[in-house]
Amino acid sequence: MIAGPDYFVGVAQQALWVLALASAPILIPALAAGLILGMIQAATSINEQTLSFVPKLIIVGVALAIFGGAIMLLVADFTRDMFARIPDLMR
């Protein structure tokens, strides 16, 4: 069996879905924090860069601590699945 273009398109779609699932728990809280901090900075006219950077850095760290294990399991399962598919490509 020779893998056709549909097979590789399916693998690419699955990879993009795993990428979206892995990055969303980090990006969504950082986006929300940036939006809230931006509104606070606009309301108070404080234009200090560290005021927006440090809280976002802390939020990303907390999100990684909470969701890091689940993200690693997701990526490891995808990688294991890709390695399991290699023999099917050799037929």
C-alpha atoms as a PDB file:
ATOM      1  CA  MET A   1       0.000   0.000   0.000  1.00  0.00           C
ATOM      2  CA  ILE A   2       1.451   3.306  -1.081  1.00  0.00           C
ATOM      3  CA  ALA A   3       0.219   6.240   0.957  1.00  0.00           C
ATOM      4  CA  GLY A   4      -1.512   8.774  -1.209  1.00  0.00           C
ATOM      5  CA  PRO A   5      -1.879  12.517  -0.858  1.00  0.00           C
ATOM      6  CA  ASP A   6      -5.051  12.108   1.210  1.00  0.00           C
ATOM      7  CA  TYR A   7      -3.081  10.251   3.857  1.00  0.00           C
ATOM      8  CA  PHE A   8      -0.553  13.062   4.219  1.00  0.00           C
ATOM      9  CA  VAL A   9      -3.255  15.732   4.216  1.00  0.00           C
ATOM     10  CA  GLY A  10      -4.946  13.840   7.054  1.00  0.00           C
ATOM     11  CA  VAL A  11      -1.681  13.676   8.994  1.00  0.00           C
ATOM     12  CA  ALA A  12      -1.135  17.408   8.458  1.00  0.00           C
ATOM     13  CA  GLN A  13      -4.669  18.177   9.643  1.00  0.00           C
ATOM     14  CA  GLN A  14      -4.164  16.053  12.730  1.00  0.00           C
ATOM     15  CA  ALA A  15      -0.839  17.794  13.432  1.00  0.00           C
ATOM     16  CA  LEU A  16      -2.451  21.231  13.168  1.00  0.00           C
ATOM     17  CA  TRP A  17      -5.270  20.153  15.491  1.00  0.00           C
ATOM     18  CA  VAL A  18      -2.770  18.870  18.071  1.00  0.00           C
ATOM     19  CA  LEU A  19      -0.846  22.132  17.742  1.00  0.00           C
ATOM     20  CA  ALA A  20      -4.006  24.157  18.366  1.00  0.00           C
ATOM     21  CA  LEU A  21      -4.961  22.038  21.369  1.00  0.00           C
ATOM     22  CA  ALA A  22      -1.453  22.270  22.804  1.00  0.00           C
ATOM     23  CA  SER A  23      -1.083  26.026  22.403  1.00  0.00           C
ATOM     24  CA  ALA A  24      -4.586  27.179  23.381  1.00  0.00           C
ATOM     25  CA  PRO A  25      -4.210  26.674  27.161  1.00  0.00           C
ATOM     26  CA  ILE A  26      -1.177  28.962  27.068  1.00  0.00           C
ATOM     27  CA  LEU A  27      -2.256  31.549  24.513  1.00  0.00           C
ATOM     28  CA  ILE A  28      -5.817  32.198  25.720  1.00  0.00           C
ATOM     29  CA  PRO A  29      -4.876  33.260  29.284  1.00  0.00           C
ATOM     30  CA  ALA A  30      -1.989  35.353  27.933  1.00  0.00           C
ATOM     31  CA  LEU A  31      -4.340  37.036  25.459  1.00  0.00           C
ATOM     32  CA  ALA A  32      -6.923  37.746  28.159  1.00  0.00           C
ATOM     33  CA  ALA A  33      -4.257  39.131  30.489  1.00  0.00           C
ATOM     34  CA  GLY A  34      -2.879  41.340  27.731  1.00  0.00           C
ATOM     35  CA  LEU A  35      -6.326  42.665  26.935  1.00  0.00           C
ATOM     36  CA  ILE A  36      -7.148  43.435  30.573  1.00  0.00           C
ATOM     37  CA  LEU A  37      -3.748  45.000  31.235  1.00  0.00           C
ATOM     38  CA  GLY A  38      -4.012  47.033  28.054  1.00  0.00           C
ATOM     39  CA  MET A  39      -7.358  48.428  29.140  1.00  0.00           C
ATOM     40  CA  ILE A  40      -5.952  49.275  32.572  1.00  0.00           C
ATOM     41  CA  GLN A  41      -2.944  50.996  30.992  1.00  0.00           C
ATOM     42  CA  ALA A  42      -5.189  52.960  28.646  1.00  0.00           C
ATOM     43  CA  ALA A  43      -7.452  54.038  31.497  1.00  0.00           C
ATOM     44  CA  THR A  44      -4.600  55.125  33.765  1.00  0.00           C
ATOM     45  CA  SER A  45      -2.226  56.430  31.060  1.00  0.00           C
ATOM     46  CA  ILE A  46       0.595  54.313  32.460  1.00  0.00           C
ATOM     47  CA  ASN A  47       2.829  53.249  29.568  1.00  0.00           C
ATOM     48  CA  GLU A  48       5.347  51.104  31.394  1.00  0.00           C
ATOM     49  CA  GLN A  49       6.346  48.001  29.401  1.00  0.00           C
ATOM     50  CA  THR A  50       7.195  45.888  32.441  1.00  0.00           C
ATOM     51  CA  LEU A  51       3.675  46.450  33.774  1.00  0.00           C
ATOM     52  CA  SER A  52       2.277  44.367  30.930  1.00  0.00           C
ATOM     53  CA  PHE A  53       5.184  41.933  30.514  1.00  0.00           C
ATOM     54  CA  VAL A  54       5.615  40.629  34.051  1.00  0.00           C
ATOM     55  CA  PRO A  55       1.953  39.708  34.732  1.00  0.00           C
ATOM     56  CA  LYS A  56       1.700  37.968  31.350  1.00  0.00           C
ATOM     57  CA  LEU A  57       4.901  36.069  32.114  1.00  0.00           C
ATOM     58  CA  ILE A  58       3.492  34.977  35.470  1.00  0.00           C
ATOM     59  CA  ILE A  59       0.176  33.923  33.896  1.00  0.00           C
ATOM     60  CA  VAL A  60       1.954  31.891  31.209  1.00  0.00           C
ATOM     61  CA  GLY A  61       4.059  30.217  33.910  1.00  0.00           C
ATOM     62  CA  VAL A  62       0.966  29.337  35.937  1.00  0.00           C
ATOM     63  CA  ALA A  63      -0.800  28.042  32.814  1.00  0.00           C
ATOM     64  CA  LEU A  64       2.218  25.874  32.002  1.00  0.00           C
ATOM     65  CA  ALA A  65       2.270  24.541  35.558  1.00  0.00           C
ATOM     66  CA  ILE A  66      -1.431  23.666  35.371  1.00  0.00           C
ATOM     67  CA  PHE A  67      -1.707  22.410  31.794  1.00  0.00           C
ATOM     68  CA  GLY A  68       1.879  21.351  31.055  1.00  0.00           C
ATOM     69  CA  GLY A  69       1.329  17.697  31.891  1.00  0.00           C
ATOM     70  CA  ALA A  70      -1.767  17.445  29.722  1.00  0.00           C
ATOM     71  CA  ILE A  71       0.003  19.189  26.843  1.00  0.00           C
ATOM     72  CA  MET A  72       2.953  16.810  27.095  1.00  0.00           C
ATOM     73  CA  LEU A  73       0.620  13.786  27.098  1.00  0.00           C
ATOM     74  CA  LEU A  74      -1.162  15.132  24.021  1.00  0.00           C
ATOM     75  CA  VAL A  75       2.088  15.685  22.132  1.00  0.00           C
ATOM     76  CA  ALA A  76       3.524  12.346  23.270  1.00  0.00           C
ATOM     77  CA  ASP A  77       0.399  10.481  22.133  1.00  0.00           C
ATOM     78  CA  PHE A  78       0.543  12.199  18.748  1.00  0.00           C
ATOM     79  CA  THR A  79       4.232  11.369  18.377  1.00  0.00           C
ATOM     80  CA  ARG A  80       3.628   7.744  19.389  1.00  0.00           C
ATOM     81  CA  ASP A  81       0.826   7.536  16.826  1.00  0.00           C
ATOM     82  CA  MET A  82       3.073   8.948  14.100  1.00  0.00           C
ATOM     83  CA  PHE A  83       5.813   6.424  14.882  1.00  0.00           C
ATOM     84  CA  ALA A  84       3.235   3.624  14.894  1.00  0.00           C
ATOM     85  CA  ARG A  85       2.158   4.633  11.374  1.00  0.00           C
ATOM     86  CA  ILE A  86       5.661   4.263   9.899  1.00  0.00           C
ATOM     87  CA  PRO A  87       5.325   0.521   9.091  1.00  0.00           C
ATOM     88  CA  ASP A  88       2.111   1.239   7.174  1.00  0.00           C
ATOM     89  CA  LEU A  89       4.052   3.612   4.932  1.00  0.00           C
ATOM     90  CA  MET A  90       6.669   0.980   4.117  1.00  0.00           C
ATOM     91  CA  ARG A  91       4.224  -1.498   2.588  1.00  0.00           C
END
